Amino acid sequence: MQTHIVPVGFDYDRLIAPLIRDQFDVDRVILLEGSVGSEANVEYSRNIARKLEQDFRNLLGAETVRERLPDVYDYDAAFERAFELINDELDAGDDDREVWVNVCSMPRPVSFAFATAAHSIMVERQADRDRIHTYYTAPEKYLETELAEELRSNRDLLRELQATGDVDDDRVDDRLATTTELLAEFDERGTTIGAKRIGDSHIVELPVASFQNVKPFEELVLFTLGEHGEFESVSELAETLASELNEEYTDSFRSKVIYNVDRLGPGGKGYIEQESHGKSHRTTLSRIGELWVRAHGGDEIDLVWQ
């Protein structure tokens, strides 16, 4: 089961299109609306939320609720509410329920607050780490750019009309038609159109780093995984490490590797993923593990495992 927490700003497509295109199984949606800003902005966001509420129900069959955030610029209040919402969904009674937090819309204080709250809960609830996700979707097109270009064209037309009073009726009709069409698109879709495909998905999941330091031997494990990509078992990883370190492959060495892999795995620092494969565990870097290796690729490592 999946619950999606979706702060609503001035976007429509980016909040629902990727879930449809990537065939997510969305069971429940919590739409968050802002209550601060100009009257026009608040009403526009509410209109988007109403449309999303209807379409999440009709297109994805999801239970959908709407909730207002009193102040979209109050980071502390947004963080507190996010912390409560995510924990409530995790504790709803379904051990297989996942919580997905969309951070691509609404003012940045809300997006950052919800992303940070999700991060904090992952650290506190290590057993539930794999059930919490934050993600971003890129638009295919920004309407603000087209609106600005249309305004410039209309400005030039009005200047010519003001100066000469003699403007081709076809030009006026053309400007009126394109302006009307663009405004209708803006009213219907918000400030962006579409959900851009990035790689093999329409969302970019945002990995969460560990708050714990990586020890020297753990570094060796991570860099070895980064170099080789995947090992069919921890024993295979241990054999490779022993060879590269010119160490004898003993039960003691193998136990050391297993211990460190456990510390780096889902129940620990989260830099390694393991998949059960018969009696073995296929071992790879997690997304945040890949980023760690990439970020530390130029570091000097002391090849001492003791």
C-alpha atoms as a PDB file:
ATOM      1  CA  MET A   1       0.000   0.000   0.000  1.00  0.00           C
ATOM      2  CA  GLN A   2       1.153   3.538  -0.712  1.00  0.00           C
ATOM      3  CA  THR A   3       0.274   6.856   0.873  1.00  0.00           C
ATOM      4  CA  HIS A   4       1.400   9.954  -1.031  1.00  0.00           C
ATOM      5  CA  ILE A   5       1.764  13.239   0.860  1.00  0.00           C
ATOM      6  CA  VAL A   6       1.522  16.022  -1.705  1.00  0.00           C
ATOM      7  CA  PRO A   7       2.017  19.729  -0.873  1.00  0.00           C
ATOM      8  CA  VAL A   8       0.058  21.618  -3.553  1.00  0.00           C
ATOM      9  CA  GLY A   9       1.414  24.797  -5.112  1.00  0.00           C
ATOM     10  CA  PHE A  10       0.737  25.944  -8.673  1.00  0.00           C
ATOM     11  CA  ASP A  11       1.385  22.625 -10.421  1.00  0.00           C
ATOM     12  CA  TYR A  12      -1.026  19.945 -11.569  1.00  0.00           C
ATOM     13  CA  ASP A  13       0.788  17.518 -13.892  1.00  0.00           C
ATOM     14  CA  ARG A  14       3.885  17.045 -11.740  1.00  0.00           C
ATOM     15  CA  LEU A  15       1.761  15.943  -8.782  1.00  0.00           C
ATOM     16  CA  ILE A  16      -0.206  13.190 -10.517  1.00  0.00           C
ATOM     17  CA  ALA A  17       1.147  12.454 -14.018  1.00  0.00           C
ATOM     18  CA  PRO A  18       4.299  10.551 -12.909  1.00  0.00           C
ATOM     19  CA  LEU A  19       2.231   8.264 -10.695  1.00  0.00           C
ATOM     20  CA  ILE A  20      -0.056   7.416 -13.605  1.00  0.00           C
ATOM     21  CA  ARG A  21       2.740   7.009 -16.154  1.00  0.00           C
ATOM     22  CA  ASP A  22       4.908   4.862 -13.876  1.00  0.00           C
ATOM     23  CA  GLN A  23       1.854   2.861 -12.715  1.00  0.00           C
ATOM     24  CA  PHE A  24       2.182   3.481  -8.991  1.00  0.00           C
ATOM     25  CA  ASP A  25      -0.293   1.694  -6.725  1.00  0.00           C
ATOM     26  CA  VAL A  26      -1.606   4.739  -4.885  1.00  0.00           C
ATOM     27  CA  ASP A  27      -4.038   3.900  -2.077  1.00  0.00           C
ATOM     28  CA  ARG A  28      -4.222   7.155  -0.158  1.00  0.00           C
ATOM     29  CA  VAL A  29      -3.328  10.777  -0.921  1.00  0.00           C
ATOM     30  CA  ILE A  30      -3.008  13.713   1.479  1.00  0.00           C
ATOM     31  CA  LEU A  31      -3.152  17.031  -0.378  1.00  0.00           C
ATOM     32  CA  LEU A  32      -1.774  20.021   1.554  1.00  0.00           C
ATOM     33  CA  GLU A  33      -2.941  23.521   0.631  1.00  0.00           C
ATOM     34  CA  GLY A  34      -1.384  26.807   1.681  1.00  0.00           C
ATOM     35  CA  SER A  35      -3.468  29.510   3.339  1.00  0.00           C
ATOM     36  CA  VAL A  36      -0.986  32.394   3.108  1.00  0.00           C
ATOM     37  CA  GLY A  37      -0.351  34.687   0.154  1.00  0.00           C
ATOM     38  CA  SER A  38      -2.427  36.887  -2.089  1.00  0.00           C
ATOM     39  CA  GLU A  39      -6.109  36.030  -2.351  1.00  0.00           C
ATOM     40  CA  ALA A  40      -5.617  35.142  -6.019  1.00  0.00           C
ATOM     41  CA  ASN A  41      -2.704  32.800  -5.268  1.00  0.00           C
ATOM     42  CA  VAL A  42      -4.517  31.024  -2.447  1.00  0.00           C
ATOM     43  CA  GLU A  43      -7.645  30.551  -4.550  1.00  0.00           C
ATOM     44  CA  TYR A  44      -5.615  29.337  -7.522  1.00  0.00           C
ATOM     45  CA  SER A  45      -3.859  26.731  -5.361  1.00  0.00           C
ATOM     46  CA  ARG A  46      -7.199  25.593  -3.947  1.00  0.00           C
ATOM     47  CA  ASN A  47      -8.586  25.153  -7.445  1.00  0.00           C
ATOM     48  CA  ILE A  48      -5.603  22.965  -8.336  1.00  0.00           C
ATOM     49  CA  ALA A  49      -6.136  20.957  -5.124  1.00  0.00           C
ATOM     50  CA  ARG A  50      -9.832  20.426  -5.923  1.00  0.00           C
ATOM     51  CA  LYS A  51      -8.970  19.146  -9.381  1.00  0.00           C
ATOM     52  CA  LEU A  52      -6.248  16.870  -7.989  1.00  0.00           C
ATOM     53  CA  GLU A  53      -8.624  15.512  -5.350  1.00  0.00           C
ATOM     54  CA  GLN A  54     -11.129  14.561  -8.031  1.00  0.00           C
ATOM     55  CA  ASP A  55      -8.555  13.062 -10.390  1.00  0.00           C
ATOM     56  CA  PHE A  56      -6.661  11.071  -7.760  1.00  0.00           C
ATOM     57  CA  ARG A  57      -9.971   9.433  -6.912  1.00  0.00           C
ATOM     58  CA  ASN A  58     -11.212   8.920 -10.452  1.00  0.00           C
ATOM     59  CA  LEU A  59      -7.947   8.046 -12.216  1.00  0.00           C
ATOM     60  CA  LEU A  60      -6.073   6.175  -9.484  1.00  0.00           C
ATOM     61  CA  GLY A  61      -8.914   5.081  -7.206  1.00  0.00           C
ATOM     62  CA  ALA A  62      -7.130   6.592  -4.212  1.00  0.00           C
ATOM     63  CA  GLU A  63      -8.724   7.715  -0.977  1.00  0.00           C
ATOM     64  CA  THR A  64      -7.993  11.448  -1.012  1.00  0.00           C
ATOM     65  CA  VAL A  65      -8.122  14.067   1.730  1.00  0.00           C
ATOM     66  CA  ARG A  66      -7.261  17.755   1.713  1.00  0.00           C
ATOM     67  CA  GLU A  67      -5.636  19.647   4.553  1.00  0.00           C
ATOM     68  CA  ARG A  68      -4.580  23.276   4.949  1.00  0.00           C
ATOM     69  CA  LEU A  69      -1.228  24.490   6.199  1.00  0.00           C
ATOM     70  CA  PRO A  70      -1.831  27.816   8.003  1.00  0.00           C
ATOM     71  CA  ASP A  71       1.491  29.378   6.960  1.00  0.00           C
ATOM     72  CA  VAL A  72       3.585  27.991   4.093  1.00  0.00           C
ATOM     73  CA  TYR A  73       6.569  30.078   5.253  1.00  0.00           C
ATOM     74  CA  ASP A  74       6.570  28.688   8.814  1.00  0.00           C
ATOM     75  CA  TYR A  75       9.266  26.015   8.494  1.00  0.00           C
ATOM     76  CA  ASP A  76       8.976  24.812  12.094  1.00  0.00           C
ATOM     77  CA  ALA A  77       5.217  24.288  11.893  1.00  0.00           C
ATOM     78  CA  ALA A  78       5.540  22.527   8.528  1.00  0.00           C
ATOM     79  CA  PHE A  79       8.242  20.229   9.922  1.00  0.00           C
ATOM     80  CA  GLU A  80       6.124  19.403  12.966  1.00  0.00           C
ATOM     81  CA  ARG A  81       3.094  18.586  10.802  1.00  0.00           C
ATOM     82  CA  ALA A  82       5.186  16.518   8.377  1.00  0.00           C
ATOM     83  CA  PHE A  83       6.719  14.553  11.252  1.00  0.00           C
ATOM     84  CA  GLU A  84       3.261  13.809  12.621  1.00  0.00           C
ATOM     85  CA  LEU A  85       1.722  12.909   9.240  1.00  0.00           C
ATOM     86  CA  ILE A  86       4.485  10.524   8.185  1.00  0.00           C
ATOM     87  CA  ASN A  87       4.554   8.748  11.537  1.00  0.00           C
ATOM     88  CA  ASP A  88       0.755   8.439  11.583  1.00  0.00           C
ATOM     89  CA  GLU A  89       0.758   6.829   8.148  1.00  0.00           C
ATOM     90  CA  LEU A  90       3.528   4.411   9.127  1.00  0.00           C
ATOM     91  CA  ASP A  91       1.598   3.477  12.272  1.00  0.00           C
ATOM     92  CA  ALA A  92      -1.716   3.040  10.453  1.00  0.00           C
ATOM     93  CA  GLY A  93      -1.587  -0.717  10.997  1.00  0.00           C
ATOM     94  CA  ASP A  94      -0.332  -1.899   7.609  1.00  0.00           C
ATOM     95  CA  ASP A  95       3.239  -3.167   7.882  1.00  0.00           C
ATOM     96  CA  ASP A  96       3.595  -3.012   4.110  1.00  0.00           C
ATOM     97  CA  ARG A  97       2.420   0.604   3.788  1.00  0.00           C
ATOM     98  CA  GLU A  98       4.927   2.966   2.208  1.00  0.00           C
ATOM     99  CA  VAL A  99       4.884   6.745   2.552  1.00  0.00           C
ATOM    100  CA  TRP A 100       5.932   8.833  -0.462  1.00  0.00           C
ATOM    101  CA  VAL A 101       6.523  12.570  -0.031  1.00  0.00           C
ATOM    102  CA  ASN A 102       6.387  14.767  -3.150  1.00  0.00           C
ATOM    103  CA  VAL A 103       8.687  17.810  -2.777  1.00  0.00           C
ATOM    104  CA  CYS A 104       8.418  19.470  -6.193  1.00  0.00           C
ATOM    105  CA  SER A 105       5.626  21.964  -5.476  1.00  0.00           C
ATOM    106  CA  MET A 106       4.613  24.585  -2.881  1.00  0.00           C
ATOM    107  CA  PRO A 107       7.064  27.159  -1.418  1.00  0.00           C
ATOM    108  CA  ARG A 108      10.508  25.830  -0.527  1.00  0.00           C
ATOM    109  CA  PRO A 109      10.123  26.039   3.285  1.00  0.00           C
ATOM    110  CA  VAL A 110       7.367  23.413   3.080  1.00  0.00           C
ATOM    111  CA  SER A 111       9.268  21.181   0.648  1.00  0.00           C
ATOM    112  CA  PHE A 112      12.463  21.348   2.725  1.00  0.00           C
ATOM    113  CA  ALA A 113      10.549  20.806   5.969  1.00  0.00           C
ATOM    114  CA  PHE A 114       8.814  17.683   4.653  1.00  0.00           C
ATOM    115  CA  ALA A 115      12.022  16.277   3.137  1.00  0.00           C
ATOM    116  CA  THR A 116      13.939  16.884   6.383  1.00  0.00           C
ATOM    117  CA  ALA A 117      11.162  15.359   8.482  1.00  0.00           C
ATOM    118  CA  ALA A 118      11.176  12.237   6.295  1.00  0.00           C
ATOM    119  CA  HIS A 119      14.972  12.088   6.673  1.00  0.00           C
ATOM    120  CA  SER A 120      14.745  12.377  10.454  1.00  0.00           C
ATOM    121  CA  ILE A 121      12.130   9.632  10.721  1.00  0.00           C
ATOM    122  CA  MET A 122      14.269   7.308   8.594  1.00  0.00           C
ATOM    123  CA  VAL A 123      17.102   7.770  11.056  1.00  0.00           C
ATOM    124  CA  GLU A 124      14.870   7.261  14.102  1.00  0.00           C
ATOM    125  CA  ARG A 125      12.953   4.303  12.659  1.00  0.00           C
ATOM    126  CA  GLN A 126      15.669   2.224  11.028  1.00  0.00           C
ATOM    127  CA  ALA A 127      13.357  -0.769  10.621  1.00  0.00           C
ATOM    128  CA  ASP A 128      10.987   1.384   8.553  1.00  0.00           C
ATOM    129  CA  ARG A 129      13.668   3.125   6.515  1.00  0.00           C
ATOM    130  CA  ASP A 130      12.697   1.368   3.281  1.00  0.00           C
ATOM    131  CA  ARG A 131       9.050   2.384   3.721  1.00  0.00           C
ATOM    132  CA  ILE A 132       9.743   6.136   3.516  1.00  0.00           C
ATOM    133  CA  HIS A 133      10.518   7.921   0.248  1.00  0.00           C
ATOM    134  CA  THR A 134      10.914  11.534  -0.873  1.00  0.00           C
ATOM    135  CA  TYR A 135      10.805  12.315  -4.575  1.00  0.00           C
ATOM    136  CA  TYR A 136      10.913  15.056  -7.190  1.00  0.00           C
ATOM    137  CA  THR A 137       9.462  15.306 -10.698  1.00  0.00           C
ATOM    138  CA  ALA A 138      10.785  17.603 -13.426  1.00  0.00           C
ATOM    139  CA  PRO A 139       8.264  19.280 -15.764  1.00  0.00           C
ATOM    140  CA  GLU A 140       8.349  18.889 -19.510  1.00  0.00           C
ATOM    141  CA  LYS A 141       7.650  22.598 -19.947  1.00  0.00           C
ATOM    142  CA  TYR A 142       7.416  25.763 -17.828  1.00  0.00           C
ATOM    143  CA  LEU A 143       4.440  27.916 -18.782  1.00  0.00           C
ATOM    144  CA  GLU A 144       5.897  31.043 -17.203  1.00  0.00           C
ATOM    145  CA  THR A 145       8.401  31.306 -20.065  1.00  0.00           C
ATOM    146  CA  GLU A 146       5.705  31.049 -22.709  1.00  0.00           C
ATOM    147  CA  LEU A 147       3.497  33.505 -20.834  1.00  0.00           C
ATOM    148  CA  ALA A 148       6.368  36.009 -20.723  1.00  0.00           C
ATOM    149  CA  GLU A 149       6.993  35.613 -24.470  1.00  0.00           C
ATOM    150  CA  GLU A 150       3.301  36.068 -25.178  1.00  0.00           C
ATOM    151  CA  LEU A 151       3.202  39.235 -23.079  1.00  0.00           C
ATOM    152  CA  ARG A 152       6.174  40.628 -25.001  1.00  0.00           C
ATOM    153  CA  SER A 153       4.462  39.938 -28.328  1.00  0.00           C
ATOM    154  CA  ASN A 154       1.268  41.588 -27.115  1.00  0.00           C
ATOM    155  CA  ARG A 155       3.241  44.552 -25.804  1.00  0.00           C
ATOM    156  CA  ASP A 156       4.848  45.038 -29.229  1.00  0.00           C
ATOM    157  CA  LEU A 157       1.458  44.835 -30.903  1.00  0.00           C
ATOM    158  CA  LEU A 158      -0.034  47.422 -28.538  1.00  0.00           C
ATOM    159  CA  ARG A 159       2.935  49.754 -29.080  1.00  0.00           C
ATOM    160  CA  GLU A 160       2.475  49.528 -32.836  1.00  0.00           C
ATOM    161  CA  LEU A 161      -1.236  50.126 -32.493  1.00  0.00           C
ATOM    162  CA  GLN A 162      -0.588  53.124 -30.246  1.00  0.00           C
ATOM    163  CA  ALA A 163       1.979  54.592 -32.632  1.00  0.00           C
ATOM    164  CA  THR A 164       0.234  54.048 -35.957  1.00  0.00           C
ATOM    165  CA  GLY A 165      -3.317  53.031 -35.268  1.00  0.00           C
ATOM    166  CA  ASP A 166      -2.954  50.757 -38.260  1.00  0.00           C
ATOM    167  CA  VAL A 167      -2.485  47.072 -37.394  1.00  0.00           C
ATOM    168  CA  ASP A 168      -3.367  44.078 -39.536  1.00  0.00           C
ATOM    169  CA  ASP A 169      -6.558  42.448 -38.201  1.00  0.00           C
ATOM    170  CA  ASP A 170      -5.021  39.017 -38.768  1.00  0.00           C
ATOM    171  CA  ARG A 171      -2.206  39.857 -36.347  1.00  0.00           C
ATOM    172  CA  VAL A 172      -4.719  40.929 -33.711  1.00  0.00           C
ATOM    173  CA  ASP A 173      -6.734  37.745 -34.217  1.00  0.00           C
ATOM    174  CA  ASP A 174      -3.576  35.643 -33.988  1.00  0.00           C
ATOM    175  CA  ARG A 175      -2.418  37.321 -30.770  1.00  0.00           C
ATOM    176  CA  LEU A 176      -5.881  36.977 -29.247  1.00  0.00           C
ATOM    177  CA  ALA A 177      -6.081  33.289 -30.143  1.00  0.00           C
ATOM    178  CA  THR A 178      -2.651  32.342 -28.805  1.00  0.00           C
ATOM    179  CA  THR A 179      -3.102  34.399 -25.638  1.00  0.00           C
ATOM    180  CA  THR A 180      -6.503  32.833 -24.960  1.00  0.00           C
ATOM    181  CA  GLU A 181      -5.122  29.334 -25.540  1.00  0.00           C
ATOM    182  CA  LEU A 182      -2.123  29.905 -23.281  1.00  0.00           C
ATOM    183  CA  LEU A 183      -4.225  31.354 -20.469  1.00  0.00           C
ATOM    184  CA  ALA A 184      -6.621  28.402 -20.703  1.00  0.00           C
ATOM    185  CA  GLU A 185      -3.641  26.044 -20.433  1.00  0.00           C
ATOM    186  CA  PHE A 186      -2.346  27.985 -17.432  1.00  0.00           C
ATOM    187  CA  ASP A 187      -5.734  27.874 -15.688  1.00  0.00           C
ATOM    188  CA  GLU A 188      -6.043  24.151 -16.364  1.00  0.00           C
ATOM    189  CA  ARG A 189      -2.497  22.908 -15.693  1.00  0.00           C
ATOM    190  CA  GLY A 190      -0.808  25.471 -13.473  1.00  0.00           C
ATOM    191  CA  THR A 191       2.694  26.806 -14.049  1.00  0.00           C
ATOM    192  CA  THR A 192       4.138  23.640 -15.589  1.00  0.00           C
ATOM    193  CA  ILE A 193       3.077  21.018 -18.104  1.00  0.00           C
ATOM    194  CA  GLY A 194       3.808  17.325 -18.124  1.00  0.00           C
ATOM    195  CA  ALA A 195       6.182  15.120 -16.189  1.00  0.00           C
ATOM    196  CA  LYS A 196       9.597  14.663 -17.764  1.00  0.00           C
ATOM    197  CA  ARG A 197      11.010  11.166 -18.031  1.00  0.00           C
ATOM    198  CA  ILE A 198      14.419  10.926 -16.353  1.00  0.00           C
ATOM    199  CA  GLY A 199      16.146   7.627 -17.015  1.00  0.00           C
ATOM    200  CA  ASP A 200      13.552   4.877 -16.736  1.00  0.00           C
ATOM    201  CA  SER A 201      11.153   6.740 -14.447  1.00  0.00           C
ATOM    202  CA  HIS A 202       9.192   9.980 -14.121  1.00  0.00           C
ATOM    203  CA  ILE A 203      10.327  10.586 -10.543  1.00  0.00           C
ATOM    204  CA  VAL A 204      13.706  11.138  -8.933  1.00  0.00           C
ATOM    205  CA  GLU A 205      13.780   9.610  -5.481  1.00  0.00           C
ATOM    206  CA  LEU A 206      15.884  11.671  -3.067  1.00  0.00           C
ATOM    207  CA  PRO A 207      18.239   9.447  -1.042  1.00  0.00           C
ATOM    208  CA  VAL A 208      18.815   9.985   2.653  1.00  0.00           C
ATOM    209  CA  ALA A 209      22.278  10.078   4.176  1.00  0.00           C
ATOM    210  CA  SER A 210      23.273   8.489   7.450  1.00  0.00           C
ATOM    211  CA  PHE A 211      24.212  10.650  10.418  1.00  0.00           C
ATOM    212  CA  GLN A 212      27.014   8.217  11.294  1.00  0.00           C
ATOM    213  CA  ASN A 213      30.640   8.411  10.217  1.00  0.00           C
ATOM    214  CA  VAL A 214      32.077   5.723   7.952  1.00  0.00           C
ATOM    215  CA  LYS A 215      35.027   3.873   9.465  1.00  0.00           C
ATOM    216  CA  PRO A 216      38.183   2.941   7.508  1.00  0.00           C
ATOM    217  CA  PHE A 217      37.317  -0.710   6.863  1.00  0.00           C
ATOM    218  CA  GLU A 218      33.756   0.276   5.973  1.00  0.00           C
ATOM    219  CA  GLU A 219      35.258   2.627   3.402  1.00  0.00           C
ATOM    220  CA  LEU A 220      37.099  -0.313   1.834  1.00  0.00           C
ATOM    221  CA  VAL A 221      33.870  -2.280   1.611  1.00  0.00           C
ATOM    222  CA  LEU A 222      32.060   0.620  -0.044  1.00  0.00           C
ATOM    223  CA  PHE A 223      34.812   1.361  -2.538  1.00  0.00           C
ATOM    224  CA  THR A 224      35.086  -2.334  -3.446  1.00  0.00           C
ATOM    225  CA  LEU A 225      31.349  -2.455  -4.112  1.00  0.00           C
ATOM    226  CA  GLY A 226      31.639   0.752  -6.091  1.00  0.00           C
ATOM    227  CA  GLU A 227      34.390  -0.740  -8.239  1.00  0.00           C
ATOM    228  CA  HIS A 228      32.763  -4.135  -8.855  1.00  0.00           C
ATOM    229  CA  GLY A 229      29.099  -3.126  -8.751  1.00  0.00           C
ATOM    230  CA  GLU A 230      27.610  -6.287  -7.259  1.00  0.00           C
ATOM    231  CA  PHE A 231      28.548  -9.464  -5.453  1.00  0.00           C
ATOM    232  CA  GLU A 232      26.463 -12.625  -5.429  1.00  0.00           C
ATOM    233  CA  SER A 233      27.285 -13.181  -1.754  1.00  0.00           C
ATOM    234  CA  VAL A 234      29.093 -11.594   1.158  1.00  0.00           C
ATOM    235  CA  SER A 235      31.640 -14.412   0.962  1.00  0.00           C
ATOM    236  CA  GLU A 236      32.480 -13.400  -2.592  1.00  0.00           C
ATOM    237  CA  LEU A 237      32.911  -9.810  -1.448  1.00  0.00           C
ATOM    238  CA  ALA A 238      35.158 -10.986   1.411  1.00  0.00           C
ATOM    239  CA  GLU A 239      37.312 -13.050  -0.962  1.00  0.00           C
ATOM    240  CA  THR A 240      37.764 -10.037  -3.256  1.00  0.00           C
ATOM    241  CA  LEU A 241      38.701  -7.773  -0.346  1.00  0.00           C
ATOM    242  CA  ALA A 242      41.220 -10.304   0.991  1.00  0.00           C
ATOM    243  CA  SER A 243      42.812 -10.565  -2.444  1.00  0.00           C
ATOM    244  CA  GLU A 244      43.054  -6.801  -2.913  1.00  0.00           C
ATOM    245  CA  LEU A 245      44.498  -6.347   0.579  1.00  0.00           C
ATOM    246  CA  ASN A 246      46.908  -9.283   0.201  1.00  0.00           C
ATOM    247  CA  GLU A 247      45.316 -10.777   3.309  1.00  0.00           C
ATOM    248  CA  GLU A 248      44.705 -14.462   3.973  1.00  0.00           C
ATOM    249  CA  TYR A 249      41.048 -15.353   3.504  1.00  0.00           C
ATOM    250  CA  THR A 250      40.128 -16.812   6.880  1.00  0.00           C
ATOM    251  CA  ASP A 251      36.924 -17.290   8.850  1.00  0.00           C
ATOM    252  CA  SER A 252      37.980 -14.349  10.989  1.00  0.00           C
ATOM    253  CA  PHE A 253      38.361 -12.104   7.940  1.00  0.00           C
ATOM    254  CA  ARG A 254      35.035 -13.264   6.511  1.00  0.00           C
ATOM    255  CA  SER A 255      33.318 -12.541   9.844  1.00  0.00           C
ATOM    256  CA  LYS A 256      34.863  -9.068   9.838  1.00  0.00           C
ATOM    257  CA  VAL A 257      33.400  -8.390   6.396  1.00  0.00           C
ATOM    258  CA  ILE A 258      29.964  -9.719   7.381  1.00  0.00           C
ATOM    259  CA  TYR A 259      29.974  -7.520  10.493  1.00  0.00           C
ATOM    260  CA  ASN A 260      30.834  -4.398   8.506  1.00  0.00           C
ATOM    261  CA  VAL A 261      28.321  -5.175   5.743  1.00  0.00           C
ATOM    262  CA  ASP A 262      25.639  -5.472   8.443  1.00  0.00           C
ATOM    263  CA  ARG A 263      26.673  -2.108   9.869  1.00  0.00           C
ATOM    264  CA  LEU A 264      26.433  -0.562   6.394  1.00  0.00           C
ATOM    265  CA  GLY A 265      23.155  -2.281   5.481  1.00  0.00           C
ATOM    266  CA  PRO A 266      19.470  -1.260   5.741  1.00  0.00           C
ATOM    267  CA  GLY A 267      19.404  -1.787   9.513  1.00  0.00           C
ATOM    268  CA  GLY A 268      22.510   0.346   9.967  1.00  0.00           C
ATOM    269  CA  LYS A 269      23.879   3.209   7.914  1.00  0.00           C
ATOM    270  CA  GLY A 270      21.894   2.411   4.793  1.00  0.00           C
ATOM    271  CA  TYR A 271      24.791   2.487   2.314  1.00  0.00           C
ATOM    272  CA  ILE A 272      24.369  -1.145   1.218  1.00  0.00           C
ATOM    273  CA  GLU A 273      21.389  -3.108  -0.074  1.00  0.00           C
ATOM    274  CA  GLN A 274      21.059  -6.877   0.150  1.00  0.00           C
ATOM    275  CA  GLU A 275      18.671  -9.175  -1.668  1.00  0.00           C
ATOM    276  CA  SER A 276      18.072 -12.733  -0.535  1.00  0.00           C
ATOM    277  CA  HIS A 277      19.339 -15.126  -3.189  1.00  0.00           C
ATOM    278  CA  GLY A 278      18.962 -18.706  -2.016  1.00  0.00           C
ATOM    279  CA  LYS A 279      21.240 -19.103   0.981  1.00  0.00           C
ATOM    280  CA  SER A 280      23.264 -16.079  -0.063  1.00  0.00           C
ATOM    281  CA  HIS A 281      22.605 -12.341  -0.142  1.00  0.00           C
ATOM    282  CA  ARG A 282      23.302 -10.433  -3.333  1.00  0.00           C
ATOM    283  CA  THR A 283      25.106  -7.309  -2.127  1.00  0.00           C
ATOM    284  CA  THR A 284      25.152  -3.914  -3.845  1.00  0.00           C
ATOM    285  CA  LEU A 285      25.421  -0.236  -2.982  1.00  0.00           C
ATOM    286  CA  SER A 286      22.214   1.630  -2.186  1.00  0.00           C
ATOM    287  CA  ARG A 287      21.533   4.920  -3.942  1.00  0.00           C
ATOM    288  CA  ILE A 288      23.041   6.908  -1.071  1.00  0.00           C
ATOM    289  CA  GLY A 289      25.944   4.444  -1.017  1.00  0.00           C
ATOM    290  CA  GLU A 290      26.627   5.160  -4.684  1.00  0.00           C
ATOM    291  CA  LEU A 291      26.603   8.877  -3.932  1.00  0.00           C
ATOM    292  CA  TRP A 292      28.971   8.389  -1.000  1.00  0.00           C
ATOM    293  CA  VAL A 293      31.463   6.498  -3.194  1.00  0.00           C
ATOM    294  CA  ARG A 294      31.166   9.108  -5.920  1.00  0.00           C
ATOM    295  CA  ALA A 295      31.700  11.970  -3.469  1.00  0.00           C
ATOM    296  CA  HIS A 296      34.710  10.300  -1.805  1.00  0.00           C
ATOM    297  CA  GLY A 297      36.253   8.800  -4.916  1.00  0.00           C
ATOM    298  CA  GLY A 298      39.335  11.015  -4.736  1.00  0.00           C
ATOM    299  CA  ASP A 299      40.089  10.310  -1.080  1.00  0.00           C
ATOM    300  CA  GLU A 300      43.245   8.510  -0.049  1.00  0.00           C
ATOM    301  CA  ILE A 301      42.516   5.260   1.839  1.00  0.00           C
ATOM    302  CA  ASP A 302      44.851   3.521   4.223  1.00  0.00           C
ATOM    303  CA  LEU A 303      44.520  -0.131   3.244  1.00  0.00           C
ATOM    304  CA  VAL A 304      44.558  -1.469   6.770  1.00  0.00           C
ATOM    305  CA  TRP A 305      41.571  -3.456   7.975  1.00  0.00           C
ATOM    306  CA  GLN A 306      42.429  -4.134  11.600  1.00  0.00           C
END
